[in-house]
Amino acid sequence: MNDQSNKDAAGAKGGATVTVQLVKSVAGTRESHRATVRGLGLRKTNSTSTLEDTPAVRGMIAKVSYLVKVL
């Protein structure tokens, strides 16, 4: 078997994760903010996504902080 299939979503290092939830609709928001929400893996209101806790992800969360909640 391939070693890649045994690794969890946190990555090879087993680093910290952050879970975000979309709490407000993206309708009427800037296109770049909609793209950021999609980049976080969120689609519909109340959807959640668990991501690696990296500076890039933290920056994305900060950009759309009025739309998401960190769980």
N, C-alpha and C. Protein backbone atom coordinates (compact mmCIF):
# COMPACT_ATOMS: atom_id res chain seq x y z
N MET A 1 0.83 -1.19 0.00
CA MET A 1 0.00 0.00 0.00
C MET A 1 0.87 1.24 0.00
N ASN A 2 0.26 2.32 -0.38
CA ASN A 2 0.94 3.60 -0.44
C ASN A 2 0.93 4.27 0.93
N ASP A 3 2.07 4.79 1.38
CA ASP A 3 2.14 5.46 2.68
C ASP A 3 1.27 6.70 2.74
N GLN A 4 1.02 7.34 1.61
CA GLN A 4 0.21 8.58 1.59
C GLN A 4 -1.21 8.32 2.08
N SER A 5 -1.75 7.12 1.83
CA SER A 5 -3.13 6.84 2.21
C SER A 5 -3.31 6.71 3.72
N ASN A 6 -2.23 6.52 4.45
CA ASN A 6 -2.31 6.35 5.90
C ASN A 6 -2.18 7.66 6.66
N LYS A 7 -1.87 8.75 5.97
CA LYS A 7 -1.67 10.03 6.65
C LYS A 7 -3.00 10.74 6.83
N ASP A 8 -3.16 11.39 7.99
CA ASP A 8 -4.41 12.10 8.25
C ASP A 8 -4.38 13.49 7.63
N ALA A 9 -5.49 14.22 7.79
CA ALA A 9 -5.63 15.54 7.17
C ALA A 9 -4.66 16.57 7.74
N ALA A 10 -4.09 16.31 8.91
CA ALA A 10 -3.18 17.27 9.54
C ALA A 10 -1.82 17.28 8.88
N GLY A 11 -1.54 16.33 8.04
CA GLY A 11 -0.25 16.30 7.36
C GLY A 11 0.72 15.34 8.01
N ALA A 12 1.90 15.26 7.44
CA ALA A 12 2.90 14.29 7.89
C ALA A 12 3.42 14.60 9.29
N LYS A 13 3.50 15.86 9.65
CA LYS A 13 4.05 16.23 10.95
C LYS A 13 3.05 16.03 12.09
N GLY A 14 1.77 15.83 11.76
CA GLY A 14 0.76 15.70 12.79
C GLY A 14 0.53 17.02 13.49
N GLY A 15 0.62 18.13 12.75
CA GLY A 15 0.49 19.47 13.31
C GLY A 15 -0.91 19.79 13.76
N ALA A 16 -1.04 20.98 14.30
CA ALA A 16 -2.33 21.44 14.81
C ALA A 16 -3.30 21.70 13.66
N THR A 17 -4.58 21.58 13.98
CA THR A 17 -5.61 21.87 12.99
C THR A 17 -6.54 22.94 13.54
N VAL A 18 -7.28 23.54 12.62
CA VAL A 18 -8.27 24.54 12.99
C VAL A 18 -9.54 24.21 12.22
N THR A 19 -10.68 24.27 12.91
CA THR A 19 -11.97 24.00 12.27
C THR A 19 -12.73 25.31 12.14
N VAL A 20 -13.21 25.59 10.92
CA VAL A 20 -13.96 26.81 10.66
C VAL A 20 -15.35 26.45 10.16
N GLN A 21 -16.31 27.32 10.48
CA GLN A 21 -17.69 27.14 10.06
C GLN A 21 -18.17 28.42 9.39
N LEU A 22 -18.84 28.28 8.26
CA LEU A 22 -19.42 29.42 7.55
C LEU A 22 -20.74 29.76 8.22
N VAL A 23 -20.83 30.94 8.84
CA VAL A 23 -22.02 31.30 9.60
C VAL A 23 -22.86 32.36 8.91
N LYS A 24 -22.36 32.95 7.83
CA LYS A 24 -23.09 33.97 7.11
C LYS A 24 -22.95 33.71 5.62
N SER A 25 -24.00 33.98 4.87
CA SER A 25 -24.00 33.73 3.44
C SER A 25 -22.98 34.62 2.73
N VAL A 26 -22.43 34.11 1.63
CA VAL A 26 -21.48 34.89 0.84
C VAL A 26 -22.18 35.75 -0.21
N ALA A 27 -23.50 35.68 -0.28
CA ALA A 27 -24.24 36.48 -1.25
C ALA A 27 -24.04 37.96 -0.95
N GLY A 28 -23.69 38.71 -1.96
CA GLY A 28 -23.51 40.15 -1.81
C GLY A 28 -22.13 40.55 -1.32
N THR A 29 -21.22 39.59 -1.19
CA THR A 29 -19.87 39.92 -0.74
C THR A 29 -18.94 40.06 -1.94
N ARG A 30 -17.74 40.54 -1.69
CA ARG A 30 -16.76 40.71 -2.77
C ARG A 30 -16.38 39.35 -3.34
N GLU A 31 -16.07 39.36 -4.63
CA GLU A 31 -15.69 38.13 -5.30
C GLU A 31 -14.45 37.51 -4.67
N SER A 32 -13.50 38.33 -4.26
CA SER A 32 -12.29 37.79 -3.64
C SER A 32 -12.60 37.12 -2.30
N HIS A 33 -13.59 37.64 -1.58
CA HIS A 33 -13.97 37.03 -0.31
C HIS A 33 -14.68 35.70 -0.56
N ARG A 34 -15.49 35.64 -1.61
CA ARG A 34 -16.13 34.37 -1.97
C ARG A 34 -15.09 33.32 -2.33
N ALA A 35 -14.08 33.75 -3.07
CA ALA A 35 -13.01 32.83 -3.45
C ALA A 35 -12.23 32.35 -2.22
N THR A 36 -12.04 33.22 -1.25
CA THR A 36 -11.34 32.85 -0.03
C THR A 36 -12.14 31.82 0.76
N VAL A 37 -13.45 32.03 0.83
CA VAL A 37 -14.32 31.07 1.53
C VAL A 37 -14.24 29.71 0.85
N ARG A 38 -14.25 29.69 -0.47
CA ARG A 38 -14.13 28.42 -1.21
C ARG A 38 -12.76 27.80 -0.96
N GLY A 39 -11.73 28.64 -0.87
CA GLY A 39 -10.39 28.14 -0.60
C GLY A 39 -10.27 27.50 0.77
N LEU A 40 -11.11 27.93 1.68
CA LEU A 40 -11.15 27.31 3.02
C LEU A 40 -11.94 26.01 3.01
N GLY A 41 -12.53 25.67 1.87
CA GLY A 41 -13.28 24.42 1.77
C GLY A 41 -14.71 24.53 2.23
N LEU A 42 -15.25 25.74 2.26
CA LEU A 42 -16.62 25.95 2.71
C LEU A 42 -17.53 26.23 1.53
N ARG A 43 -18.72 25.66 1.53
CA ARG A 43 -19.66 25.86 0.44
C ARG A 43 -20.92 26.57 0.92
N LYS A 44 -21.72 25.86 1.69
CA LYS A 44 -23.00 26.41 2.13
C LYS A 44 -22.90 26.94 3.56
N THR A 45 -23.86 27.75 3.94
CA THR A 45 -23.93 28.26 5.31
C THR A 45 -23.99 27.08 6.28
N ASN A 46 -23.29 27.20 7.37
CA ASN A 46 -23.16 26.19 8.43
C ASN A 46 -22.28 25.01 8.05
N SER A 47 -21.65 25.03 6.88
CA SER A 47 -20.71 23.96 6.55
C SER A 47 -19.42 24.18 7.34
N THR A 48 -18.72 23.10 7.64
CA THR A 48 -17.49 23.18 8.41
C THR A 48 -16.35 22.54 7.63
N SER A 49 -15.15 22.96 7.96
CA SER A 49 -13.95 22.42 7.32
C SER A 49 -12.82 22.42 8.34
N THR A 50 -12.07 21.33 8.38
CA THR A 50 -10.91 21.22 9.26
C THR A 50 -9.66 21.35 8.41
N LEU A 51 -8.81 22.31 8.77
CA LEU A 51 -7.63 22.64 7.98
C LEU A 51 -6.38 22.65 8.86
N GLU A 52 -5.22 22.59 8.22
CA GLU A 52 -3.97 22.75 8.94
C GLU A 52 -3.87 24.17 9.47
N ASP A 53 -3.34 24.32 10.66
CA ASP A 53 -3.20 25.64 11.27
C ASP A 53 -1.88 26.26 10.81
N THR A 54 -1.94 26.95 9.67
CA THR A 54 -0.76 27.59 9.10
C THR A 54 -1.00 29.09 9.02
N PRO A 55 0.04 29.89 8.88
CA PRO A 55 -0.15 31.34 8.73
C PRO A 55 -1.02 31.69 7.53
N ALA A 56 -0.93 30.93 6.46
CA ALA A 56 -1.75 31.21 5.27
C ALA A 56 -3.23 31.01 5.57
N VAL A 57 -3.55 29.92 6.26
CA VAL A 57 -4.95 29.65 6.61
C VAL A 57 -5.44 30.69 7.60
N ARG A 58 -4.61 31.06 8.57
CA ARG A 58 -5.00 32.09 9.54
C ARG A 58 -5.28 33.42 8.84
N GLY A 59 -4.49 33.74 7.84
CA GLY A 59 -4.71 34.97 7.07
C GLY A 59 -6.02 34.93 6.30
N MET A 60 -6.35 33.77 5.74
CA MET A 60 -7.61 33.62 5.03
C MET A 60 -8.79 33.77 5.98
N ILE A 61 -8.67 33.19 7.16
CA ILE A 61 -9.73 33.31 8.16
C ILE A 61 -9.90 34.77 8.58
N ALA A 62 -8.80 35.48 8.76
CA ALA A 62 -8.86 36.89 9.15
C ALA A 62 -9.54 37.73 8.07
N LYS A 63 -9.29 37.40 6.81
CA LYS A 63 -9.86 38.16 5.70
C LYS A 63 -11.38 38.07 5.68
N VAL A 64 -11.92 36.90 6.00
CA VAL A 64 -13.37 36.71 5.96
C VAL A 64 -13.94 36.43 7.34
N SER A 65 -13.34 37.06 8.35
CA SER A 65 -13.73 36.81 9.74
C SER A 65 -15.20 37.16 10.02
N TYR A 66 -15.77 38.06 9.22
CA TYR A 66 -17.16 38.43 9.42
C TYR A 66 -18.12 37.38 8.84
N LEU A 67 -17.59 36.38 8.15
CA LEU A 67 -18.40 35.33 7.56
C LEU A 67 -18.24 33.98 8.26
N VAL A 68 -17.11 33.79 8.95
CA VAL A 68 -16.80 32.47 9.51
C VAL A 68 -16.62 32.54 11.02
N LYS A 69 -16.70 31.36 11.63
CA LYS A 69 -16.47 31.20 13.06
C LYS A 69 -15.46 30.08 13.23
N VAL A 70 -14.47 30.28 14.10
CA VAL A 70 -13.49 29.23 14.40
C VAL A 70 -14.04 28.41 15.54
N LEU A 71 -14.12 27.10 15.32
CA LEU A 71 -14.67 26.20 16.34
C LEU A 71 -13.59 25.63 17.21
